[in-house]
N, C-alpha and C. Protein backbone atom coordinates (compact mmCIF):
# COMPACT_ATOMS: atom_id res chain seq x y z
N MET A 1 0.85 -1.18 0.00
CA MET A 1 0.00 0.00 0.00
C MET A 1 0.88 1.23 0.00
N ALA A 2 0.50 2.22 -0.76
CA ALA A 2 1.25 3.47 -0.76
C ALA A 2 0.32 4.61 -0.39
N LEU A 3 0.64 5.25 0.72
CA LEU A 3 -0.02 6.48 1.11
C LEU A 3 0.95 7.59 0.75
N VAL A 4 0.50 8.51 -0.10
CA VAL A 4 1.39 9.51 -0.66
C VAL A 4 0.93 10.91 -0.27
N GLU A 5 1.84 11.69 0.27
CA GLU A 5 1.55 13.09 0.58
C GLU A 5 1.57 13.90 -0.71
N PHE A 6 0.65 14.86 -0.82
CA PHE A 6 0.62 15.76 -1.98
C PHE A 6 0.35 17.18 -1.47
N ASN A 7 1.25 18.09 -1.79
CA ASN A 7 1.08 19.50 -1.45
C ASN A 7 0.79 19.70 0.04
N GLY A 8 1.49 18.91 0.87
CA GLY A 8 1.36 19.02 2.31
C GLY A 8 0.16 18.29 2.90
N LYS A 9 -0.63 17.62 2.08
CA LYS A 9 -1.82 16.89 2.56
C LYS A 9 -1.54 15.39 2.56
N LYS A 10 -1.92 14.74 3.66
CA LYS A 10 -1.71 13.30 3.79
C LYS A 10 -3.04 12.59 3.93
N PRO A 11 -3.13 11.36 3.42
CA PRO A 11 -4.35 10.56 3.60
C PRO A 11 -4.63 10.30 5.08
N ARG A 12 -5.92 10.22 5.41
CA ARG A 12 -6.37 9.94 6.77
C ARG A 12 -7.24 8.68 6.73
N LEU A 13 -6.94 7.76 7.65
CA LEU A 13 -7.62 6.46 7.64
C LEU A 13 -8.41 6.25 8.91
N GLY A 14 -9.65 5.76 8.76
CA GLY A 14 -10.47 5.38 9.91
C GLY A 14 -10.03 4.03 10.44
N LYS A 15 -10.85 3.46 11.30
CA LYS A 15 -10.56 2.16 11.90
C LYS A 15 -10.93 1.03 10.94
N ASP A 16 -10.14 -0.03 11.00
CA ASP A 16 -10.41 -1.26 10.24
C ASP A 16 -10.57 -1.02 8.75
N VAL A 17 -9.70 -0.18 8.20
CA VAL A 17 -9.67 0.11 6.77
C VAL A 17 -8.78 -0.93 6.10
N TYR A 18 -9.19 -1.42 4.92
CA TYR A 18 -8.32 -2.28 4.14
C TYR A 18 -7.93 -1.54 2.87
N ILE A 19 -6.63 -1.42 2.66
CA ILE A 19 -6.08 -0.87 1.42
C ILE A 19 -5.12 -1.91 0.87
N ASP A 20 -5.40 -2.38 -0.32
CA ASP A 20 -4.53 -3.37 -0.93
C ASP A 20 -3.15 -2.76 -1.21
N PRO A 21 -2.08 -3.55 -1.12
CA PRO A 21 -0.74 -3.04 -1.38
C PRO A 21 -0.56 -2.47 -2.79
N THR A 22 -1.38 -2.88 -3.74
CA THR A 22 -1.25 -2.35 -5.10
C THR A 22 -2.04 -1.05 -5.31
N ALA A 23 -2.77 -0.62 -4.30
CA ALA A 23 -3.54 0.62 -4.40
C ALA A 23 -2.66 1.81 -4.00
N ARG A 24 -3.03 2.98 -4.49
CA ARG A 24 -2.35 4.23 -4.14
C ARG A 24 -3.38 5.22 -3.64
N ILE A 25 -3.09 5.81 -2.47
CA ILE A 25 -3.96 6.82 -1.88
C ILE A 25 -3.10 8.09 -1.78
N LEU A 26 -3.51 9.13 -2.48
CA LEU A 26 -2.65 10.29 -2.67
C LEU A 26 -3.33 11.58 -2.23
N GLY A 27 -2.68 12.31 -1.33
CA GLY A 27 -3.09 13.66 -0.97
C GLY A 27 -4.22 13.72 0.03
N ASP A 28 -5.12 14.67 -0.18
CA ASP A 28 -6.20 14.99 0.74
C ASP A 28 -7.34 13.98 0.58
N VAL A 29 -7.15 12.80 1.18
CA VAL A 29 -8.11 11.70 1.08
C VAL A 29 -8.43 11.21 2.48
N GLU A 30 -9.72 11.00 2.73
CA GLU A 30 -10.17 10.44 4.00
C GLU A 30 -10.93 9.15 3.73
N LEU A 31 -10.53 8.08 4.43
CA LEU A 31 -11.22 6.79 4.33
C LEU A 31 -11.90 6.53 5.67
N GLY A 32 -13.22 6.34 5.64
CA GLY A 32 -13.99 6.10 6.85
C GLY A 32 -13.79 4.70 7.39
N ASP A 33 -14.29 4.48 8.59
CA ASP A 33 -14.19 3.19 9.25
C ASP A 33 -14.75 2.07 8.37
N ASN A 34 -14.07 0.93 8.38
CA ASN A 34 -14.49 -0.28 7.67
C ASN A 34 -14.60 -0.10 6.16
N SER A 35 -13.96 0.91 5.62
CA SER A 35 -13.95 1.10 4.17
C SER A 35 -12.80 0.31 3.57
N ALA A 36 -12.80 0.21 2.23
CA ALA A 36 -11.74 -0.55 1.57
C ALA A 36 -11.47 0.01 0.18
N VAL A 37 -10.20 -0.08 -0.19
CA VAL A 37 -9.77 0.24 -1.55
C VAL A 37 -9.00 -0.98 -2.02
N TRP A 38 -9.53 -1.63 -3.04
CA TRP A 38 -9.00 -2.91 -3.47
C TRP A 38 -7.89 -2.77 -4.51
N PHE A 39 -7.57 -3.85 -5.15
CA PHE A 39 -6.41 -4.08 -5.98
C PHE A 39 -6.31 -3.11 -7.16
N GLY A 40 -5.17 -2.45 -7.27
CA GLY A 40 -4.87 -1.63 -8.43
C GLY A 40 -5.62 -0.30 -8.53
N CYS A 41 -6.17 0.19 -7.44
CA CYS A 41 -6.92 1.45 -7.47
C CYS A 41 -6.02 2.65 -7.22
N LEU A 42 -6.48 3.81 -7.69
CA LEU A 42 -5.87 5.09 -7.38
C LEU A 42 -6.95 6.01 -6.87
N VAL A 43 -6.77 6.52 -5.64
CA VAL A 43 -7.68 7.49 -5.05
C VAL A 43 -6.88 8.74 -4.75
N LYS A 44 -7.32 9.87 -5.34
CA LYS A 44 -6.56 11.12 -5.22
C LYS A 44 -7.41 12.24 -4.66
N GLY A 45 -6.77 13.07 -3.86
CA GLY A 45 -7.35 14.32 -3.42
C GLY A 45 -6.33 15.40 -3.72
N GLU A 46 -6.41 15.97 -4.90
CA GLU A 46 -5.43 16.99 -5.32
C GLU A 46 -6.06 18.38 -5.36
N GLY A 47 -7.09 18.56 -6.17
CA GLY A 47 -7.74 19.87 -6.27
C GLY A 47 -8.61 20.15 -5.07
N SER A 48 -9.29 19.12 -4.58
CA SER A 48 -10.09 19.19 -3.36
C SER A 48 -10.03 17.80 -2.72
N ALA A 49 -10.64 17.68 -1.56
CA ALA A 49 -10.57 16.42 -0.82
C ALA A 49 -11.40 15.33 -1.49
N SER A 50 -10.92 14.10 -1.36
CA SER A 50 -11.73 12.93 -1.68
C SER A 50 -12.08 12.26 -0.36
N LYS A 51 -13.32 11.80 -0.27
CA LYS A 51 -13.76 11.10 0.93
C LYS A 51 -14.48 9.83 0.53
N ILE A 52 -14.09 8.75 1.19
CA ILE A 52 -14.77 7.47 1.02
C ILE A 52 -15.36 7.13 2.38
N GLY A 53 -16.68 7.11 2.46
CA GLY A 53 -17.37 6.96 3.73
C GLY A 53 -17.27 5.58 4.33
N SER A 54 -17.72 5.48 5.55
CA SER A 54 -17.69 4.23 6.30
C SER A 54 -18.38 3.11 5.55
N SER A 55 -17.78 1.94 5.59
CA SER A 55 -18.30 0.70 4.99
C SER A 55 -18.48 0.80 3.47
N SER A 56 -17.77 1.72 2.84
CA SER A 56 -17.78 1.82 1.38
C SER A 56 -16.59 1.06 0.82
N VAL A 57 -16.75 0.53 -0.40
CA VAL A 57 -15.69 -0.26 -1.02
C VAL A 57 -15.48 0.22 -2.45
N VAL A 58 -14.21 0.48 -2.77
CA VAL A 58 -13.79 0.81 -4.14
C VAL A 58 -13.07 -0.44 -4.64
N MET A 59 -13.68 -1.12 -5.60
CA MET A 59 -13.18 -2.42 -6.06
C MET A 59 -12.06 -2.27 -7.09
N GLU A 60 -11.59 -3.38 -7.60
CA GLU A 60 -10.39 -3.46 -8.42
C GLU A 60 -10.35 -2.44 -9.56
N GLN A 61 -9.14 -1.84 -9.70
CA GLN A 61 -8.75 -0.99 -10.83
C GLN A 61 -9.63 0.24 -11.03
N CYS A 62 -10.12 0.81 -9.94
CA CYS A 62 -10.90 2.04 -10.03
C CYS A 62 -10.02 3.27 -9.88
N PHE A 63 -10.53 4.38 -10.40
CA PHE A 63 -9.88 5.68 -10.26
C PHE A 63 -10.90 6.63 -9.64
N VAL A 64 -10.52 7.26 -8.53
CA VAL A 64 -11.38 8.23 -7.84
C VAL A 64 -10.55 9.47 -7.60
N GLU A 65 -11.04 10.62 -8.09
CA GLU A 65 -10.32 11.88 -7.88
C GLU A 65 -11.28 12.96 -7.43
N ASP A 66 -10.89 13.64 -6.32
CA ASP A 66 -11.62 14.81 -5.81
C ASP A 66 -13.11 14.55 -5.72
N SER A 67 -13.49 13.40 -5.19
CA SER A 67 -14.89 12.98 -5.13
C SER A 67 -15.29 12.62 -3.70
N HIS A 68 -16.60 12.69 -3.44
CA HIS A 68 -17.14 12.35 -2.12
C HIS A 68 -18.10 11.18 -2.26
N LEU A 69 -17.77 10.10 -1.54
CA LEU A 69 -18.62 8.92 -1.48
C LEU A 69 -19.11 8.80 -0.05
N ALA A 70 -20.41 8.70 0.14
CA ALA A 70 -20.98 8.60 1.48
C ALA A 70 -20.82 7.16 2.00
N GLU A 71 -21.65 6.79 2.95
CA GLU A 71 -21.54 5.48 3.59
C GLU A 71 -22.17 4.39 2.72
N GLU A 72 -21.59 3.20 2.82
CA GLU A 72 -22.09 1.99 2.16
C GLU A 72 -22.27 2.17 0.65
N VAL A 73 -21.24 2.70 0.03
CA VAL A 73 -21.21 2.84 -1.43
C VAL A 73 -20.35 1.71 -1.98
N LEU A 74 -20.83 1.06 -3.03
CA LEU A 74 -20.06 0.02 -3.71
C LEU A 74 -19.69 0.53 -5.10
N VAL A 75 -18.40 0.71 -5.33
CA VAL A 75 -17.90 1.14 -6.63
C VAL A 75 -17.28 -0.07 -7.30
N SER A 76 -17.92 -0.57 -8.34
CA SER A 76 -17.49 -1.81 -8.98
C SER A 76 -16.23 -1.61 -9.83
N HIS A 77 -15.65 -2.70 -10.20
CA HIS A 77 -14.38 -2.81 -10.92
C HIS A 77 -14.30 -1.84 -12.10
N ARG A 78 -13.12 -1.25 -12.28
CA ARG A 78 -12.76 -0.38 -13.41
C ARG A 78 -13.63 0.87 -13.56
N SER A 79 -14.27 1.31 -12.49
CA SER A 79 -15.05 2.54 -12.57
C SER A 79 -14.16 3.75 -12.38
N LEU A 80 -14.65 4.88 -12.91
CA LEU A 80 -13.93 6.14 -12.81
C LEU A 80 -14.88 7.19 -12.24
N LEU A 81 -14.47 7.80 -11.13
CA LEU A 81 -15.27 8.86 -10.50
C LEU A 81 -14.41 10.11 -10.43
N HIS A 82 -14.86 11.18 -11.07
CA HIS A 82 -14.07 12.39 -11.17
C HIS A 82 -14.87 13.60 -10.70
N ARG A 83 -14.48 14.14 -9.55
CA ARG A 83 -15.08 15.36 -9.00
C ARG A 83 -16.60 15.28 -8.93
N CYS A 84 -17.08 14.20 -8.30
CA CYS A 84 -18.52 13.96 -8.20
C CYS A 84 -18.90 13.66 -6.75
N VAL A 85 -20.21 13.55 -6.53
CA VAL A 85 -20.75 13.21 -5.21
C VAL A 85 -21.64 11.98 -5.37
N VAL A 86 -21.41 10.99 -4.51
CA VAL A 86 -22.21 9.77 -4.49
C VAL A 86 -22.76 9.63 -3.08
N GLU A 87 -24.10 9.67 -2.95
CA GLU A 87 -24.72 9.57 -1.64
C GLU A 87 -24.75 8.12 -1.15
N SER A 88 -25.28 7.89 0.05
CA SER A 88 -25.24 6.59 0.73
C SER A 88 -25.99 5.48 -0.01
N ARG A 89 -25.48 4.26 0.17
CA ARG A 89 -26.10 3.01 -0.30
C ARG A 89 -26.35 3.03 -1.81
N VAL A 90 -25.30 3.40 -2.54
CA VAL A 90 -25.35 3.45 -4.01
C VAL A 90 -24.45 2.36 -4.55
N LEU A 91 -24.88 1.74 -5.64
CA LEU A 91 -24.07 0.78 -6.39
C LEU A 91 -23.68 1.42 -7.71
N ILE A 92 -22.38 1.53 -7.94
CA ILE A 92 -21.84 1.99 -9.23
C ILE A 92 -21.40 0.73 -9.96
N GLY A 93 -22.00 0.45 -11.11
CA GLY A 93 -21.74 -0.77 -11.86
C GLY A 93 -20.35 -0.81 -12.49
N ILE A 94 -19.94 -1.98 -12.91
CA ILE A 94 -18.62 -2.21 -13.50
C ILE A 94 -18.39 -1.26 -14.67
N GLY A 95 -17.23 -0.58 -14.62
CA GLY A 95 -16.80 0.26 -15.73
C GLY A 95 -17.59 1.55 -15.92
N ALA A 96 -18.39 1.94 -14.94
CA ALA A 96 -19.14 3.19 -15.05
C ALA A 96 -18.20 4.38 -14.91
N VAL A 97 -18.60 5.49 -15.52
CA VAL A 97 -17.85 6.74 -15.45
C VAL A 97 -18.80 7.82 -14.93
N ILE A 98 -18.39 8.49 -13.85
CA ILE A 98 -19.18 9.56 -13.24
C ILE A 98 -18.31 10.82 -13.29
N LEU A 99 -18.79 11.84 -13.99
CA LEU A 99 -17.95 13.02 -14.26
C LEU A 99 -18.27 14.22 -13.37
N ASP A 100 -17.47 15.25 -13.56
CA ASP A 100 -17.45 16.47 -12.76
C ASP A 100 -18.84 17.03 -12.45
N GLY A 101 -19.08 17.27 -11.16
CA GLY A 101 -20.31 17.91 -10.74
C GLY A 101 -21.53 17.02 -10.74
N ALA A 102 -21.39 15.76 -11.15
CA ALA A 102 -22.53 14.84 -11.11
C ALA A 102 -22.83 14.48 -9.66
N LYS A 103 -24.10 14.22 -9.39
CA LYS A 103 -24.51 13.81 -8.05
C LYS A 103 -25.46 12.62 -8.18
N ILE A 104 -25.11 11.54 -7.47
CA ILE A 104 -25.90 10.32 -7.49
C ILE A 104 -26.66 10.24 -6.17
N GLY A 105 -28.00 10.27 -6.24
CA GLY A 105 -28.83 10.24 -5.04
C GLY A 105 -28.76 8.92 -4.31
N GLU A 106 -29.02 8.96 -3.01
CA GLU A 106 -28.92 7.76 -2.19
C GLU A 106 -29.83 6.64 -2.69
N GLU A 107 -29.38 5.43 -2.39
CA GLU A 107 -30.08 4.19 -2.74
C GLU A 107 -30.34 4.05 -4.24
N SER A 108 -29.41 4.56 -5.04
CA SER A 108 -29.53 4.45 -6.50
C SER A 108 -28.57 3.41 -7.04
N ILE A 109 -28.79 3.04 -8.29
CA ILE A 109 -27.92 2.09 -9.00
C ILE A 109 -27.56 2.72 -10.33
N ILE A 110 -26.25 2.73 -10.62
CA ILE A 110 -25.75 3.16 -11.93
C ILE A 110 -25.29 1.91 -12.65
N GLY A 111 -25.87 1.64 -13.80
CA GLY A 111 -25.59 0.41 -14.53
C GLY A 111 -24.17 0.31 -15.04
N ALA A 112 -23.72 -0.92 -15.25
CA ALA A 112 -22.39 -1.19 -15.77
C ALA A 112 -22.19 -0.46 -17.10
N GLY A 113 -21.00 0.11 -17.27
CA GLY A 113 -20.63 0.76 -18.52
C GLY A 113 -21.31 2.10 -18.76
N SER A 114 -22.03 2.60 -17.79
CA SER A 114 -22.76 3.86 -17.98
C SER A 114 -21.83 5.07 -17.90
N LEU A 115 -22.25 6.14 -18.56
CA LEU A 115 -21.55 7.42 -18.50
C LEU A 115 -22.50 8.45 -17.92
N VAL A 116 -22.19 8.89 -16.70
CA VAL A 116 -22.96 9.96 -16.07
C VAL A 116 -22.20 11.25 -16.36
N THR A 117 -22.76 12.05 -17.25
CA THR A 117 -22.07 13.24 -17.74
C THR A 117 -21.99 14.33 -16.68
N ALA A 118 -21.11 15.29 -16.91
CA ALA A 118 -20.86 16.39 -15.97
C ALA A 118 -22.16 17.10 -15.62
N GLY A 119 -22.34 17.34 -14.32
CA GLY A 119 -23.48 18.10 -13.84
C GLY A 119 -24.79 17.34 -13.74
N THR A 120 -24.82 16.07 -14.13
CA THR A 120 -26.06 15.28 -14.09
C THR A 120 -26.46 15.00 -12.65
N ARG A 121 -27.76 15.04 -12.39
CA ARG A 121 -28.31 14.69 -11.09
C ARG A 121 -29.18 13.44 -11.26
N ILE A 122 -28.80 12.39 -10.52
CA ILE A 122 -29.61 11.16 -10.51
C ILE A 122 -30.39 11.17 -9.19
N PRO A 123 -31.73 11.20 -9.26
CA PRO A 123 -32.53 11.31 -8.04
C PRO A 123 -32.40 10.08 -7.13
N LYS A 124 -32.72 10.28 -5.88
CA LYS A 124 -32.74 9.21 -4.87
C LYS A 124 -33.57 8.04 -5.38
N GLY A 125 -33.03 6.82 -5.14
CA GLY A 125 -33.79 5.61 -5.43
C GLY A 125 -34.02 5.32 -6.90
N SER A 126 -33.06 5.72 -7.75
CA SER A 126 -33.21 5.54 -9.20
C SER A 126 -32.28 4.48 -9.74
N VAL A 127 -32.71 3.81 -10.79
CA VAL A 127 -31.85 2.95 -11.58
C VAL A 127 -31.59 3.71 -12.88
N ALA A 128 -30.31 4.01 -13.11
CA ALA A 128 -29.93 4.78 -14.30
C ALA A 128 -28.83 4.02 -15.04
N PHE A 129 -28.89 4.08 -16.37
CA PHE A 129 -27.84 3.46 -17.17
C PHE A 129 -27.85 4.05 -18.56
N GLY A 130 -26.79 3.73 -19.30
CA GLY A 130 -26.65 4.20 -20.67
C GLY A 130 -25.53 5.21 -20.80
N SER A 131 -25.36 5.68 -22.02
CA SER A 131 -24.31 6.64 -22.34
C SER A 131 -24.87 7.68 -23.32
N PRO A 132 -25.33 8.81 -22.81
CA PRO A 132 -25.26 9.22 -21.40
C PRO A 132 -26.32 8.50 -20.56
N ALA A 133 -26.04 8.38 -19.27
CA ALA A 133 -26.96 7.69 -18.37
C ALA A 133 -28.24 8.51 -18.20
N ARG A 134 -29.34 7.76 -18.13
CA ARG A 134 -30.62 8.39 -17.80
C ARG A 134 -31.40 7.43 -16.91
N VAL A 135 -32.33 7.99 -16.17
CA VAL A 135 -33.13 7.20 -15.23
C VAL A 135 -34.15 6.38 -16.01
N PHE A 136 -34.21 5.08 -15.70
CA PHE A 136 -35.16 4.19 -16.34
C PHE A 136 -36.30 3.77 -15.42
N ARG A 137 -36.01 3.67 -14.11
CA ARG A 137 -37.05 3.25 -13.18
C ARG A 137 -36.59 3.50 -11.76
N GLU A 138 -37.49 3.25 -10.82
CA GLU A 138 -37.15 3.32 -9.41
C GLU A 138 -36.51 2.00 -8.96
N VAL A 139 -35.69 2.08 -7.92
CA VAL A 139 -35.09 0.89 -7.33
C VAL A 139 -36.21 0.04 -6.72
N SER A 140 -36.18 -1.25 -6.99
CA SER A 140 -37.20 -2.17 -6.48
C SER A 140 -36.74 -2.82 -5.17
N ASP A 141 -37.66 -3.51 -4.52
CA ASP A 141 -37.30 -4.27 -3.32
C ASP A 141 -36.27 -5.34 -3.66
N LYS A 142 -36.40 -5.96 -4.83
CA LYS A 142 -35.43 -6.97 -5.27
C LYS A 142 -34.05 -6.35 -5.44
N ASP A 143 -33.99 -5.13 -6.02
CA ASP A 143 -32.71 -4.42 -6.15
C ASP A 143 -32.08 -4.18 -4.79
N LYS A 144 -32.89 -3.76 -3.82
CA LYS A 144 -32.38 -3.50 -2.47
C LYS A 144 -31.85 -4.78 -1.83
N GLU A 145 -32.56 -5.86 -2.06
CA GLU A 145 -32.13 -7.16 -1.54
C GLU A 145 -30.78 -7.56 -2.13
N LEU A 146 -30.64 -7.39 -3.44
CA LEU A 146 -29.37 -7.73 -4.10
C LEU A 146 -28.24 -6.81 -3.65
N PHE A 147 -28.53 -5.52 -3.44
CA PHE A 147 -27.52 -4.59 -2.93
C PHE A 147 -27.05 -5.03 -1.55
N ASN A 148 -28.00 -5.36 -0.67
CA ASN A 148 -27.63 -5.79 0.68
C ASN A 148 -26.77 -7.05 0.64
N LYS A 149 -27.11 -7.97 -0.25
CA LYS A 149 -26.31 -9.20 -0.41
C LYS A 149 -24.88 -8.85 -0.86
N ALA A 150 -24.77 -7.95 -1.84
CA ALA A 150 -23.44 -7.54 -2.33
C ALA A 150 -22.65 -6.82 -1.24
N LEU A 151 -23.30 -5.94 -0.49
CA LEU A 151 -22.64 -5.22 0.59
C LEU A 151 -22.13 -6.19 1.65
N ASN A 152 -22.95 -7.17 2.00
CA ASN A 152 -22.53 -8.17 2.98
C ASN A 152 -21.34 -8.99 2.46
N GLU A 153 -21.37 -9.32 1.18
CA GLU A 153 -20.28 -10.10 0.59
C GLU A 153 -18.96 -9.34 0.62
N VAL A 154 -18.97 -8.08 0.21
CA VAL A 154 -17.71 -7.33 0.20
C VAL A 154 -17.25 -7.03 1.62
N SER A 155 -18.17 -6.83 2.55
CA SER A 155 -17.79 -6.63 3.95
C SER A 155 -17.12 -7.88 4.50
N TRP A 156 -17.67 -9.04 4.15
CA TRP A 156 -17.07 -10.30 4.57
C TRP A 156 -15.65 -10.42 4.00
N LYS A 157 -15.49 -10.12 2.69
CA LYS A 157 -14.17 -10.20 2.08
C LYS A 157 -13.19 -9.25 2.75
N ASN A 158 -13.63 -8.01 3.00
CA ASN A 158 -12.75 -7.04 3.65
C ASN A 158 -12.23 -7.55 4.98
N SER A 159 -13.08 -8.24 5.72
CA SER A 159 -12.67 -8.74 7.04
C SER A 159 -11.72 -9.93 6.92
N ARG A 160 -11.60 -10.53 5.74
CA ARG A 160 -10.74 -11.70 5.54
C ARG A 160 -9.39 -11.36 4.91
N TYR A 161 -9.30 -10.20 4.22
CA TYR A 161 -8.02 -9.84 3.61
C TYR A 161 -7.01 -9.50 4.70
N ARG A 162 -5.85 -10.12 4.62
CA ARG A 162 -4.77 -9.85 5.57
C ARG A 162 -3.47 -9.81 4.79
N LEU A 163 -2.67 -8.81 5.07
CA LEU A 163 -1.38 -8.71 4.43
C LEU A 163 -0.42 -9.71 5.03
N ILE A 164 0.36 -10.34 4.19
CA ILE A 164 1.39 -11.26 4.64
C ILE A 164 2.67 -10.47 4.66
N LEU A 165 3.21 -10.26 5.85
CA LEU A 165 4.37 -9.41 6.02
C LEU A 165 5.67 -10.18 5.96
N SER A 166 5.58 -11.48 5.97
CA SER A 166 6.76 -12.32 5.95
C SER A 166 6.60 -13.35 4.83
N SER A 167 7.69 -13.69 4.20
CA SER A 167 7.62 -14.69 3.12
C SER A 167 8.08 -16.06 3.61
N SER A 168 8.18 -16.24 4.93
CA SER A 168 8.60 -17.55 5.43
C SER A 168 7.53 -18.60 5.13
N SER A 169 7.98 -19.81 4.91
CA SER A 169 7.02 -20.89 4.63
C SER A 169 7.29 -22.03 5.60
N GLU A 170 6.22 -22.73 5.88
CA GLU A 170 6.34 -23.88 6.76
C GLU A 170 6.43 -25.15 5.91
N THR A 171 7.18 -26.11 6.38
CA THR A 171 7.28 -27.39 5.69
C THR A 171 6.67 -28.49 6.48
């Protein structure tokens, strides 16, 4: 793991945070309790602060810059978040792109491969997808159930990841 100071600002970590050794956390970044940044990610706070709220997970190969993620946000693999706001209990699908000034309302889902253009507002409890992303429907009870299952799964994984600090082997 690399925590990198930028322009006098250092990352700040809550309790029980998991940061994979291949991830980079740079500058004015705050990670809340029980949050995680997985394999190959870059999280930057250069122009303004980036915040990843408690129990939020940024999965493999994501890029997050100058963005605010509230609590229990799941950012799926290869997503890019740039100067945006994501409210609580949101799922960002695989490979989604969220651009400057966009705001994703709580309990929403952004579909895989979607492009949320600059300044777009996705209302609370919406399912949005496409390029550019647009709202197609409200989040259903089934969607909420699947989100809770995914959140529980990544929380379980976070509690199991442990760095091996020694390369000794037993015979």
